[in-house]
């Protein structure tokens, strides 16, 4: 086991070799903080739209497709469209068979179990 004096001497020798590296790392950290805080160039922030022909007055449901290469939004033509026919919520067996064009039990079985 080392005596107290030997341990103090070992620590002093180690500190003599570590001290330059310690101060170099501290100086680098300080320079990095100053650079990031004050000197680093910041990109200009723009809050505009990426799309060239974006119309904020039109709802998103009017968008037909997006042309990513030319940065264009292709809108549907204005006007009213027919709504799709909805599935009957409460239907008798006959209405259900007519709706899905199913004629017998086996058609139903194939429809639901395939």
PDB file of N, CA and C in Angstrom:
ATOM      1  N   UNK A   1       0.846  -1.184   0.000  1.00  0.00           N
ATOM      2  CA  UNK A   1       0.000   0.000   0.000  1.00  0.00           C
ATOM      3  C   UNK A   1       0.885   1.239   0.000  1.00  0.00           C
ATOM      4  N   UNK A   2       0.474   2.238  -0.756  1.00  0.00           N
ATOM      5  CA  UNK A   2       1.251   3.470  -0.840  1.00  0.00           C
ATOM      6  C   UNK A   2       1.059   4.301   0.426  1.00  0.00           C
ATOM      7  N   UNK A   3       2.085   5.004   0.755  1.00  0.00           N
ATOM      8  CA  UNK A   3       1.972   5.950   1.862  1.00  0.00           C
ATOM      9  C   UNK A   3       1.350   7.231   1.336  1.00  0.00           C
ATOM     10  N   UNK A   4       0.929   8.034   2.236  1.00  0.00           N
ATOM     11  CA  UNK A   4       0.270   9.277   1.875  1.00  0.00           C
ATOM     12  C   UNK A   4       1.174  10.174   1.033  1.00  0.00           C
ATOM     13  N   UNK A   5       2.387  10.261   1.328  1.00  0.00           N
ATOM     14  CA  UNK A   5       3.317  11.114   0.590  1.00  0.00           C
ATOM     15  C   UNK A   5       3.512  10.609  -0.835  1.00  0.00           C
ATOM     16  N   UNK A   6       3.543   9.288  -0.987  1.00  0.00           N
ATOM     17  CA  UNK A   6       3.709   8.723  -2.323  1.00  0.00           C
ATOM     18  C   UNK A   6       2.478   8.988  -3.183  1.00  0.00           C
ATOM     19  N   UNK A   7       1.302   8.909  -2.580  1.00  0.00           N
ATOM     20  CA  UNK A   7       0.056   9.181  -3.315  1.00  0.00           C
ATOM     21  C   UNK A   7       0.032  10.646  -3.756  1.00  0.00           C
ATOM     22  N   UNK A   8       0.423  11.551  -2.871  1.00  0.00           N
ATOM     23  CA  UNK A   8       0.467  12.975  -3.233  1.00  0.00           C
ATOM     24  C   UNK A   8       1.460  13.211  -4.366  1.00  0.00           C
ATOM     25  N   UNK A   9       2.568  12.533  -4.338  1.00  0.00           N
ATOM     26  CA  UNK A   9       3.563  12.677  -5.387  1.00  0.00           C
ATOM     27  C   UNK A   9       3.042  12.137  -6.720  1.00  0.00           C
ATOM     28  N   UNK A  10       2.328  11.006  -6.703  1.00  0.00           N
ATOM     29  CA  UNK A  10       1.734  10.438  -7.922  1.00  0.00           C
ATOM     30  C   UNK A  10       0.685  11.371  -8.518  1.00  0.00           C
ATOM     31  N   UNK A  11      -0.119  11.963  -7.649  1.00  0.00           N
ATOM     32  CA  UNK A  11      -1.146  12.898  -8.119  1.00  0.00           C
ATOM     33  C   UNK A  11      -0.485  14.129  -8.738  1.00  0.00           C
ATOM     34  N   UNK A  12       0.583  14.613  -8.140  1.00  0.00           N
ATOM     35  CA  UNK A  12       1.280  15.788  -8.663  1.00  0.00           C
ATOM     36  C   UNK A  12       1.889  15.478 -10.031  1.00  0.00           C
ATOM     37  N   UNK A  13       2.465  14.294 -10.192  1.00  0.00           N
ATOM     38  CA  UNK A  13       3.047  13.907 -11.487  1.00  0.00           C
ATOM     39  C   UNK A  13       1.950  13.778 -12.537  1.00  0.00           C
ATOM     40  N   UNK A  14       0.856  13.128 -12.176  1.00  0.00           N
ATOM     41  CA  UNK A  14      -0.257  12.950 -13.124  1.00  0.00           C
ATOM     42  C   UNK A  14      -0.829  14.311 -13.526  1.00  0.00           C
ATOM     43  N   UNK A  15      -0.974  15.205 -12.551  1.00  0.00           N
ATOM     44  CA  UNK A  15      -1.534  16.526 -12.851  1.00  0.00           C
ATOM     45  C   UNK A  15      -0.600  17.315 -13.766  1.00  0.00           C
ATOM     46  N   UNK A  16       0.684  17.128 -13.650  1.00  0.00           N
ATOM     47  CA  UNK A  16       1.644  17.815 -14.498  1.00  0.00           C
ATOM     48  C   UNK A  16       1.440  17.418 -15.968  1.00  0.00           C
ATOM     49  N   UNK A  17       1.069  16.152 -16.235  1.00  0.00           N
ATOM     50  CA  UNK A  17       0.839  15.702 -17.609  1.00  0.00           C
ATOM     51  C   UNK A  17      -0.592  15.974 -18.093  1.00  0.00           C
ATOM     52  N   UNK A  18      -1.529  15.995 -17.177  1.00  0.00           N
ATOM     53  CA  UNK A  18      -2.936  16.187 -17.549  1.00  0.00           C
ATOM     54  C   UNK A  18      -3.292  17.663 -17.703  1.00  0.00           C
ATOM     55  N   UNK A  19      -2.620  18.542 -16.945  1.00  0.00           N
ATOM     56  CA  UNK A  19      -2.965  19.960 -16.913  1.00  0.00           C
ATOM     57  C   UNK A  19      -2.992  20.629 -18.290  1.00  0.00           C
ATOM     58  N   UNK A  20      -2.011  20.440 -19.170  1.00  0.00           N
ATOM     59  CA  UNK A  20      -2.093  21.105 -20.482  1.00  0.00           C
ATOM     60  C   UNK A  20      -3.307  20.644 -21.291  1.00  0.00           C
ATOM     61  N   UNK A  21      -3.599  19.360 -21.216  1.00  0.00           N
ATOM     62  CA  UNK A  21      -4.779  18.840 -21.942  1.00  0.00           C
ATOM     63  C   UNK A  21      -6.068  19.385 -21.347  1.00  0.00           C
ATOM     64  N   UNK A  22      -6.116  19.491 -20.037  1.00  0.00           N
ATOM     65  CA  UNK A  22      -7.304  20.029 -19.369  1.00  0.00           C
ATOM     66  C   UNK A  22      -7.577  21.455 -19.831  1.00  0.00           C
ATOM     67  N   UNK A  23      -6.562  22.294 -19.842  1.00  0.00           N
ATOM     68  CA  UNK A  23      -6.744  23.683 -20.256  1.00  0.00           C
ATOM     69  C   UNK A  23      -7.025  23.799 -21.752  1.00  0.00           C
ATOM     70  N   UNK A  24      -6.456  22.907 -22.545  1.00  0.00           N
ATOM     71  CA  UNK A  24      -6.736  22.924 -23.987  1.00  0.00           C
ATOM     72  C   UNK A  24      -8.201  22.575 -24.250  1.00  0.00           C
ATOM     73  N   UNK A  25      -8.715  21.574 -23.548  1.00  0.00           N
ATOM     74  CA  UNK A  25     -10.129  21.189 -23.721  1.00  0.00           C
ATOM     75  C   UNK A  25     -11.047  22.305 -23.228  1.00  0.00           C
ATOM     76  N   UNK A  26     -10.705  22.937 -22.120  1.00  0.00           N
ATOM     77  CA  UNK A  26     -11.526  24.043 -21.607  1.00  0.00           C
ATOM     78  C   UNK A  26     -11.521  25.218 -22.589  1.00  0.00           C
ATOM     79  N   UNK A  27     -10.369  25.525 -23.160  1.00  0.00           N
ATOM     80  CA  UNK A  27     -10.294  26.625 -24.128  1.00  0.00           C
ATOM     81  C   UNK A  27     -11.116  26.288 -25.372  1.00  0.00           C
ATOM     82  N   UNK A  28     -11.026  25.051 -25.850  1.00  0.00           N
ATOM     83  CA  UNK A  28     -11.814  24.635 -27.016  1.00  0.00           C
ATOM     84  C   UNK A  28     -13.312  24.747 -26.728  1.00  0.00           C
ATOM     85  N   UNK A  29     -13.742  24.299 -25.546  1.00  0.00           N
ATOM     86  CA  UNK A  29     -15.164  24.375 -25.187  1.00  0.00           C
ATOM     87  C   UNK A  29     -15.629  25.827 -25.141  1.00  0.00           C
ATOM     88  N   UNK A  30     -14.820  26.700 -24.584  1.00  0.00           N
ATOM     89  CA  UNK A  30     -15.184  28.117 -24.511  1.00  0.00           C
ATOM     90  C   UNK A  30     -15.291  28.725 -25.909  1.00  0.00           C
ATOM     91  N   UNK A  31     -14.336  28.414 -26.778  1.00  0.00           N
ATOM     92  CA  UNK A  31     -14.382  28.923 -28.155  1.00  0.00           C
ATOM     93  C   UNK A  31     -15.612  28.392 -28.876  1.00  0.00           C
ATOM     94  N   UNK A  32     -15.948  27.124 -28.677  1.00  0.00           N
ATOM     95  CA  UNK A  32     -17.118  26.537 -29.332  1.00  0.00           C
ATOM     96  C   UNK A  32     -18.403  27.200 -28.865  1.00  0.00           C
ATOM     97  N   UNK A  33     -18.516  27.477 -27.581  1.00  0.00           N
ATOM     98  CA  UNK A  33     -19.721  28.134 -27.058  1.00  0.00           C
ATOM     99  C   UNK A  33     -19.845  29.547 -27.617  1.00  0.00           C
ATOM    100  N   UNK A  34     -18.749  30.285 -27.644  1.00  0.00           N
ATOM    101  CA  UNK A  34     -18.783  31.651 -28.184  1.00  0.00           C
ATOM    102  C   UNK A  34     -19.135  31.630 -29.666  1.00  0.00           C
ATOM    103  N   UNK A  35     -18.560  30.703 -30.418  1.00  0.00           N
ATOM    104  CA  UNK A  35     -18.856  30.611 -31.849  1.00  0.00           C
ATOM    105  C   UNK A  35     -20.328  30.282 -32.080  1.00  0.00           C
ATOM    106  N   UNK A  36     -20.846  29.267 -31.375  1.00  0.00           N
ATOM    107  CA  UNK A  36     -22.243  28.876 -31.576  1.00  0.00           C
ATOM    108  C   UNK A  36     -23.207  29.979 -31.158  1.00  0.00           C
ATOM    109  N   UNK A  37     -22.857  30.735 -30.139  1.00  0.00           N
ATOM    110  CA  UNK A  37     -23.768  31.763 -29.632  1.00  0.00           C
ATOM    111  C   UNK A  37     -23.748  33.029 -30.477  1.00  0.00           C
ATOM    112  N   UNK A  38     -22.566  33.482 -30.885  1.00  0.00           N
ATOM    113  CA  UNK A  38     -22.463  34.800 -31.507  1.00  0.00           C
ATOM    114  C   UNK A  38     -22.016  34.801 -32.968  1.00  0.00           C
ATOM    115  N   UNK A  39     -21.183  33.871 -33.377  1.00  0.00           N
ATOM    116  CA  UNK A  39     -20.548  33.974 -34.684  1.00  0.00           C
ATOM    117  C   UNK A  39     -21.083  33.026 -35.743  1.00  0.00           C
ATOM    118  N   UNK A  40     -21.807  31.996 -35.360  1.00  0.00           N
ATOM    119  CA  UNK A  40     -22.287  31.003 -36.316  1.00  0.00           C
ATOM    120  C   UNK A  40     -23.320  31.630 -37.257  1.00  0.00           C
ATOM    121  N   UNK A  41     -23.133  31.470 -38.576  1.00  0.00           N
ATOM    122  CA  UNK A  41     -24.114  32.045 -39.509  1.00  0.00           C
ATOM    123  C   UNK A  41     -25.455  31.313 -39.397  1.00  0.00           C
ATOM    124  N   UNK A  42     -26.495  32.064 -39.342  1.00  0.00           N
ATOM    125  CA  UNK A  42     -27.841  31.503 -39.224  1.00  0.00           C
ATOM    126  C   UNK A  42     -28.547  31.617 -40.579  1.00  0.00           C
ATOM    127  N   UNK A  43     -29.245  30.555 -41.003  1.00  0.00           N
ATOM    128  CA  UNK A  43     -29.978  30.666 -42.261  1.00  0.00           C
ATOM    129  C   UNK A  43     -31.152  31.625 -42.112  1.00  0.00           C
ATOM    130  N   UNK A  44     -31.480  32.275 -43.199  1.00  0.00           N
ATOM    131  CA  UNK A  44     -32.599  33.209 -43.185  1.00  0.00           C
ATOM    132  C   UNK A  44     -33.901  32.423 -43.085  1.00  0.00           C
ATOM    133  N   UNK A  45     -34.735  32.792 -42.142  1.00  0.00           N
ATOM    134  CA  UNK A  45     -35.990  32.081 -41.916  1.00  0.00           C
ATOM    135  C   UNK A  45     -37.061  32.680 -42.813  1.00  0.00           C
ATOM    136  N   UNK A  46     -37.691  31.833 -43.604  1.00  0.00           N
ATOM    137  CA  UNK A  46     -38.802  32.268 -44.440  1.00  0.00           C
ATOM    138  C   UNK A  46     -40.028  31.467 -44.060  1.00  0.00           C
ATOM    139  N   UNK A  47     -41.143  32.130 -43.991  1.00  0.00           N
ATOM    140  CA  UNK A  47     -42.383  31.477 -43.596  1.00  0.00           C
ATOM    141  C   UNK A  47     -43.367  31.380 -44.755  1.00  0.00           C
ATOM    142  N   UNK A  48     -42.884  31.476 -45.972  1.00  0.00           N
ATOM    143  CA  UNK A  48     -43.746  31.380 -47.128  1.00  0.00           C
ATOM    144  C   UNK A  48     -44.068  29.927 -47.455  1.00  0.00           C
ATOM    145  N   UNK A  49     -44.906  29.749 -48.439  1.00  0.00           N
ATOM    146  CA  UNK A  49     -45.291  28.412 -48.860  1.00  0.00           C
ATOM    147  C   UNK A  49     -44.280  27.855 -49.850  1.00  0.00           C
ATOM    148  N   UNK A  50     -44.098  26.556 -49.789  1.00  0.00           N
ATOM    149  CA  UNK A  50     -43.215  25.871 -50.745  1.00  0.00           C
ATOM    150  C   UNK A  50     -43.855  25.857 -52.134  1.00  0.00           C
ATOM    151  N   UNK A  51     -45.174  25.848 -52.172  1.00  0.00           N
ATOM    152  CA  UNK A  51     -45.907  25.711 -53.434  1.00  0.00           C
ATOM    153  C   UNK A  51     -46.067  27.073 -54.100  1.00  0.00           C
ATOM    154  N   UNK A  52     -45.892  27.112 -55.405  1.00  0.00           N
ATOM    155  CA  UNK A  52     -45.931  28.368 -56.155  1.00  0.00           C
ATOM    156  C   UNK A  52     -47.358  28.908 -56.250  1.00  0.00           C
ATOM    157  N   UNK A  53     -48.314  28.061 -56.545  1.00  0.00           N
ATOM    158  CA  UNK A  53     -49.686  28.531 -56.767  1.00  0.00           C
ATOM    159  C   UNK A  53     -50.610  28.182 -55.599  1.00  0.00           C
ATOM    160  N   UNK A  54     -50.126  28.226 -54.392  1.00  0.00           N
ATOM    161  CA  UNK A  54     -50.927  27.920 -53.211  1.00  0.00           C
ATOM    162  C   UNK A  54     -51.996  28.986 -53.011  1.00  0.00           C
ATOM    163  N   UNK A  55     -53.241  28.534 -52.812  1.00  0.00           N
ATOM    164  CA  UNK A  55     -54.357  29.449 -52.590  1.00  0.00           C
ATOM    165  C   UNK A  55     -54.944  29.139 -51.216  1.00  0.00           C
ATOM    166  N   UNK A  56     -54.674  29.966 -50.201  1.00  0.00           N
ATOM    167  CA  UNK A  56     -55.160  29.652 -48.854  1.00  0.00           C
ATOM    168  C   UNK A  56     -56.668  29.760 -48.698  1.00  0.00           C
ATOM    169  N   UNK A  57     -57.359  30.350 -49.668  1.00  0.00           N
ATOM    170  CA  UNK A  57     -58.805  30.479 -49.553  1.00  0.00           C
ATOM    171  C   UNK A  57     -59.532  29.199 -49.951  1.00  0.00           C
ATOM    172  N   UNK A  58     -58.852  28.302 -50.653  1.00  0.00           N
ATOM    173  CA  UNK A  58     -59.496  27.056 -51.086  1.00  0.00           C
ATOM    174  C   UNK A  58     -59.257  25.958 -50.054  1.00  0.00           C
ATOM    175  N   UNK A  59     -60.255  25.118 -49.826  1.00  0.00           N
ATOM    176  CA  UNK A  59     -60.076  24.040 -48.843  1.00  0.00           C
ATOM    177  C   UNK A  59     -59.134  22.963 -49.380  1.00  0.00           C
ATOM    178  N   UNK A  60     -58.596  22.174 -48.473  1.00  0.00           N
ATOM    179  CA  UNK A  60     -57.662  21.118 -48.858  1.00  0.00           C
ATOM    180  C   UNK A  60     -58.345  20.039 -49.689  1.00  0.00           C
ATOM    181  N   UNK A  61     -59.653  19.913 -49.576  1.00  0.00           N
ATOM    182  CA  UNK A  61     -60.367  18.901 -50.361  1.00  0.00           C
ATOM    183  C   UNK A  61     -60.417  19.258 -51.847  1.00  0.00           C
ATOM    184  N   UNK A  62     -60.090  20.497 -52.207  1.00  0.00           N
ATOM    185  CA  UNK A  62     -60.044  20.887 -53.621  1.00  0.00           C
ATOM    186  C   UNK A  62     -58.755  20.458 -54.311  1.00  0.00           C
ATOM    187  N   UNK A  63     -57.772  19.986 -53.544  1.00  0.00           N
ATOM    188  CA  UNK A  63     -56.496  19.590 -54.140  1.00  0.00           C
ATOM    189  C   UNK A  63     -56.649  18.243 -54.821  1.00  0.00           C
ATOM    190  N   UNK A  64     -56.325  18.213 -56.099  1.00  0.00           N
ATOM    191  CA  UNK A  64     -56.404  16.977 -56.865  1.00  0.00           C
ATOM    192  C   UNK A  64     -55.101  16.203 -56.766  1.00  0.00           C
ATOM    193  N   UNK A  65     -53.972  16.890 -56.960  1.00  0.00           N
ATOM    194  CA  UNK A  65     -52.668  16.246 -56.835  1.00  0.00           C
ATOM    195  C   UNK A  65     -51.601  17.319 -56.634  1.00  0.00           C
ATOM    196  N   UNK A  66     -50.395  16.854 -56.326  1.00  0.00           N
ATOM    197  CA  UNK A  66     -49.273  17.750 -56.095  1.00  0.00           C
ATOM    198  C   UNK A  66     -48.154  17.410 -57.077  1.00  0.00           C
ATOM    199  N   UNK A  67     -47.657  18.434 -57.751  1.00  0.00           N
ATOM    200  CA  UNK A  67     -46.547  18.264 -58.686  1.00  0.00           C
ATOM    201  C   UNK A  67     -45.275  18.693 -57.956  1.00  0.00           C
ATOM    202  N   UNK A  68     -44.532  17.713 -57.439  1.00  0.00           N
ATOM    203  CA  UNK A  68     -43.365  18.011 -56.613  1.00  0.00           C
ATOM    204  C   UNK A  68     -42.206  18.579 -57.427  1.00  0.00           C
ATOM    205  N   UNK A  69     -42.079  18.193 -58.675  1.00  0.00           N
ATOM    206  CA  UNK A  69     -40.958  18.672 -59.474  1.00  0.00           C
ATOM    207  C   UNK A  69     -41.091  20.163 -59.800  1.00  0.00           C
ATOM    208  N   UNK A  70     -42.306  20.601 -60.123  1.00  0.00           N
ATOM    209  CA  UNK A  70     -42.527  22.000 -60.491  1.00  0.00           C
ATOM    210  C   UNK A  70     -43.094  22.827 -59.344  1.00  0.00           C
ATOM    211  N   UNK A  71     -43.285  22.216 -58.183  1.00  0.00           N
ATOM    212  CA  UNK A  71     -43.826  22.866 -56.988  1.00  0.00           C
ATOM    213  C   UNK A  71     -45.197  23.475 -57.239  1.00  0.00           C
ATOM    214  N   UNK A  72     -46.072  22.712 -57.914  1.00  0.00           N
ATOM    215  CA  UNK A  72     -47.419  23.190 -58.229  1.00  0.00           C
ATOM    216  C   UNK A  72     -48.468  22.330 -57.548  1.00  0.00           C
ATOM    217  N   UNK A  73     -49.572  22.972 -57.198  1.00  0.00           N
ATOM    218  CA  UNK A  73     -50.742  22.268 -56.686  1.00  0.00           C
ATOM    219  C   UNK A  73     -51.756  22.214 -57.816  1.00  0.00           C
ATOM    220  N   UNK A  74     -52.217  21.025 -58.130  1.00  0.00           N
ATOM    221  CA  UNK A  74     -53.247  20.880 -59.158  1.00  0.00           C
ATOM    222  C   UNK A  74     -54.575  20.770 -58.428  1.00  0.00           C
ATOM    223  N   UNK A  75     -55.426  21.809 -58.646  1.00  0.00           N
ATOM    224  CA  UNK A  75     -56.730  21.859 -57.993  1.00  0.00           C
ATOM    225  C   UNK A  75     -57.787  21.229 -58.886  1.00  0.00           C
ATOM    226  N   UNK A  76     -58.849  20.752 -58.261  1.00  0.00           N
ATOM    227  CA  UNK A  76     -60.004  20.272 -59.013  1.00  0.00           C
ATOM    228  C   UNK A  76     -60.731  21.483 -59.591  1.00  0.00           C
ATOM    229  N   UNK A  77     -61.428  21.295 -60.739  1.00  0.00           N
ATOM    230  CA  UNK A  77     -62.208  22.420 -61.251  1.00  0.00           C
ATOM    231  C   UNK A  77     -63.313  22.785 -60.257  1.00  0.00           C
ATOM    232  N   UNK A  78     -63.605  24.058 -60.189  1.00  0.00           N
ATOM    233  CA  UNK A  78     -64.642  24.491 -59.256  1.00  0.00           C
ATOM    234  C   UNK A  78     -65.999  24.028 -59.740  1.00  0.00           C
ATOM    235  N   UNK A  79     -66.887  23.813 -58.810  1.00  0.00           N
ATOM    236  CA  UNK A  79     -68.235  23.359 -59.145  1.00  0.00           C
ATOM    237  C   UNK A  79     -68.677  22.309 -58.149  1.00  0.00           C
ATOM    238  N   UNK A  80     -69.901  21.879 -58.302  1.00  0.00           N
ATOM    239  CA  UNK A  80     -70.439  20.880 -57.391  1.00  0.00           C
ATOM    240  C   UNK A  80     -70.306  19.500 -58.008  1.00  0.00           C
ATOM    241  N   UNK A  81     -70.056  18.540 -57.174  1.00  0.00           N
ATOM    242  CA  UNK A  81     -69.914  17.160 -57.606  1.00  0.00           C
ATOM    243  C   UNK A  81     -70.996  16.320 -56.948  1.00  0.00           C
ATOM    244  N   UNK A  82     -71.369  15.271 -57.621  1.00  0.00           N
ATOM    245  CA  UNK A  82     -72.350  14.363 -57.029  1.00  0.00           C
ATOM    246  C   UNK A  82     -71.687  13.571 -55.919  1.00  0.00           C
ATOM    247  N   UNK A  83     -72.407  13.437 -54.831  1.00  0.00           N
ATOM    248  CA  UNK A  83     -71.870  12.634 -53.734  1.00  0.00           C
ATOM    249  C   UNK A  83     -72.073  11.165 -54.059  1.00  0.00           C
ATOM    250  N   UNK A  84     -71.142  10.316 -53.639  1.00  0.00           N
ATOM    251  CA  UNK A  84     -71.305   8.896 -53.918  1.00  0.00           C
ATOM    252  C   UNK A  84     -72.488   8.320 -53.146  1.00  0.00           C
ATOM    253  N   UNK A  85     -73.065   7.321 -53.731  1.00  0.00           N
ATOM    254  CA  UNK A  85     -74.201   6.682 -53.085  1.00  0.00           C
ATOM    255  C   UNK A  85     -73.713   5.958 -51.840  1.00  0.00           C
ATOM    256  N   UNK A  86     -74.409   6.181 -50.745  1.00  0.00           N
ATOM    257  CA  UNK A  86     -73.955   5.611 -49.479  1.00  0.00           C
ATOM    258  C   UNK A  86     -74.611   4.250 -49.231  1.00  0.00           C
ATOM    259  N   UNK A  87     -73.879   3.464 -48.479  1.00  0.00           N
ATOM    260  CA  UNK A  87     -74.372   2.138 -48.113  1.00  0.00           C
ATOM    261  C   UNK A  87     -75.556   2.294 -47.160  1.00  0.00           C
ATOM    262  N   UNK A  88     -76.602   1.531 -47.340  1.00  0.00           N
ATOM    263  CA  UNK A  88     -77.744   1.650 -46.427  1.00  0.00           C
ATOM    264  C   UNK A  88     -77.360   1.204 -45.011  1.00  0.00           C
ATOM    265  N   UNK A  89     -77.708   2.030 -44.027  1.00  0.00           N
ATOM    266  CA  UNK A  89     -77.353   1.712 -42.644  1.00  0.00           C
ATOM    267  C   UNK A  89     -78.272   0.649 -42.067  1.00  0.00           C
ATOM    268  N   UNK A  90     -79.554   0.783 -42.314  1.00  0.00           N
ATOM    269  CA  UNK A  90     -80.502  -0.237 -41.863  1.00  0.00           C
ATOM    270  C   UNK A  90     -81.164  -0.776 -43.119  1.00  0.00           C
ATOM    271  N   UNK A  91     -80.866  -2.009 -43.401  1.00  0.00           N
ATOM    272  CA  UNK A  91     -81.375  -2.594 -44.641  1.00  0.00           C
ATOM    273  C   UNK A  91     -81.935  -3.983 -44.347  1.00  0.00           C
ATOM    274  N   UNK A  92     -82.942  -4.315 -45.105  1.00  0.00           N
ATOM    275  CA  UNK A  92     -83.462  -5.673 -45.013  1.00  0.00           C
ATOM    276  C   UNK A  92     -82.530  -6.581 -45.812  1.00  0.00           C
ATOM    277  N   UNK A  93     -82.784  -7.862 -45.712  1.00  0.00           N
ATOM    278  CA  UNK A  93     -81.943  -8.821 -46.424  1.00  0.00           C
ATOM    279  C   UNK A  93     -82.000  -8.578 -47.925  1.00  0.00           C
ATOM    280  N   UNK A  94     -83.196  -8.292 -48.443  1.00  0.00           N
ATOM    281  CA  UNK A  94     -83.353  -8.084 -49.881  1.00  0.00           C
ATOM    282  C   UNK A  94     -82.607  -6.818 -50.345  1.00  0.00           C
ATOM    283  N   UNK A  95     -82.710  -5.752 -49.559  1.00  0.00           N
ATOM    284  CA  UNK A  95     -81.987  -4.535 -49.917  1.00  0.00           C
ATOM    285  C   UNK A  95     -80.474  -4.753 -49.880  1.00  0.00           C
ATOM    286  N   UNK A  96     -80.024  -5.520 -48.880  1.00  0.00           N
ATOM    287  CA  UNK A  96     -78.606  -5.813 -48.758  1.00  0.00           C
ATOM    288  C   UNK A  96     -78.124  -6.627 -49.956  1.00  0.00           C
ATOM    289  N   UNK A  97     -78.903  -7.614 -50.360  1.00  0.00           N
ATOM    290  CA  UNK A  97     -78.529  -8.459 -51.509  1.00  0.00           C
ATOM    291  C   UNK A  97     -78.522  -7.623 -52.782  1.00  0.00           C
ATOM    292  N   UNK A  98     -79.521  -6.733 -52.927  1.00  0.00           N
ATOM    293  CA  UNK A  98     -79.557  -5.873 -54.118  1.00  0.00           C
ATOM    294  C   UNK A  98     -78.387  -4.896 -54.130  1.00  0.00           C
ATOM    295  N   UNK A  99     -78.052  -4.341 -52.972  1.00  0.00           N
ATOM    296  CA  UNK A  99     -76.978  -3.357 -52.892  1.00  0.00           C
ATOM    297  C   UNK A  99     -75.645  -3.960 -53.324  1.00  0.00           C
ATOM    298  N   UNK A 100     -75.312  -5.125 -52.792  1.00  0.00           N
ATOM    299  CA  UNK A 100     -74.033  -5.753 -53.104  1.00  0.00           C
ATOM    300  C   UNK A 100     -74.115  -6.727 -54.274  1.00  0.00           C
ATOM    301  N   UNK A 101     -75.268  -6.814 -54.890  1.00  0.00           N
ATOM    302  CA  UNK A 101     -75.477  -7.707 -56.026  1.00  0.00           C
ATOM    303  C   UNK A 101     -75.105  -9.148 -55.660  1.00  0.00           C
ATOM    304  N   UNK A 102     -75.619  -9.581 -54.525  1.00  0.00           N
ATOM    305  CA  UNK A 102     -75.397 -10.944 -54.051  1.00  0.00           C
ATOM    306  C   UNK A 102     -76.705 -11.712 -54.203  1.00  0.00           C
ATOM    307  N   UNK A 103     -76.610 -12.875 -54.758  1.00  0.00           N
ATOM    308  CA  UNK A 103     -77.856 -13.586 -55.032  1.00  0.00           C
ATOM    309  C   UNK A 103     -78.170 -14.690 -54.043  1.00  0.00           C
ATOM    310  N   UNK A 104     -77.175 -15.244 -53.374  1.00  0.00           N
ATOM    311  CA  UNK A 104     -77.493 -16.317 -52.430  1.00  0.00           C
ATOM    312  C   UNK A 104     -76.448 -16.390 -51.322  1.00  0.00           C
ATOM    313  N   UNK A 105     -76.626 -17.379 -50.473  1.00  0.00           N
ATOM    314  CA  UNK A 105     -75.773 -17.537 -49.312  1.00  0.00           C
ATOM    315  C   UNK A 105     -74.310 -17.733 -49.708  1.00  0.00           C
ATOM    316  N   UNK A 106     -74.050 -18.465 -50.742  1.00  0.00           N
ATOM    317  CA  UNK A 106     -72.679 -18.765 -51.134  1.00  0.00           C
ATOM    318  C   UNK A 106     -71.943 -17.505 -51.622  1.00  0.00           C
ATOM    319  N   UNK A 107     -72.661 -16.627 -52.262  1.00  0.00           N
ATOM    320  CA  UNK A 107     -72.034 -15.364 -52.653  1.00  0.00           C
ATOM    321  C   UNK A 107     -71.641 -14.548 -51.414  1.00  0.00           C
ATOM    322  N   UNK A 108     -72.537 -14.536 -50.412  1.00  0.00           N
ATOM    323  CA  UNK A 108     -72.218 -13.850 -49.163  1.00  0.00           C
ATOM    324  C   UNK A 108     -71.012 -14.489 -48.484  1.00  0.00           C
ATOM    325  N   UNK A 109     -70.993 -15.805 -48.477  1.00  0.00           N
ATOM    326  CA  UNK A 109     -69.900 -16.527 -47.852  1.00  0.00           C
ATOM    327  C   UNK A 109     -68.576 -16.192 -48.548  1.00  0.00           C
ATOM    328  N   UNK A 110     -68.583 -16.184 -49.867  1.00  0.00           N
ATOM    329  CA  UNK A 110     -67.365 -15.853 -50.610  1.00  0.00           C
ATOM    330  C   UNK A 110     -66.948 -14.392 -50.383  1.00  0.00           C
ATOM    331  N   UNK A 111     -67.939 -13.533 -50.267  1.00  0.00           N
ATOM    332  CA  UNK A 111     -67.647 -12.120 -50.090  1.00  0.00           C
ATOM    333  C   UNK A 111     -66.950 -11.868 -48.749  1.00  0.00           C
ATOM    334  N   UNK A 112     -67.435 -12.478 -47.690  1.00  0.00           N
ATOM    335  CA  UNK A 112     -66.907 -12.208 -46.351  1.00  0.00           C
ATOM    336  C   UNK A 112     -65.752 -13.112 -45.952  1.00  0.00           C
ATOM    337  N   UNK A 113     -65.577 -14.269 -46.561  1.00  0.00           N
ATOM    338  CA  UNK A 113     -64.574 -15.216 -46.081  1.00  0.00           C
ATOM    339  C   UNK A 113     -63.396 -15.408 -47.034  1.00  0.00           C
ATOM    340  N   UNK A 114     -63.301 -14.628 -48.065  1.00  0.00           N
ATOM    341  CA  UNK A 114     -62.137 -14.749 -48.943  1.00  0.00           C
ATOM    342  C   UNK A 114     -61.022 -13.861 -48.507  1.00  0.00           C
TER     343      UNK A 114
END
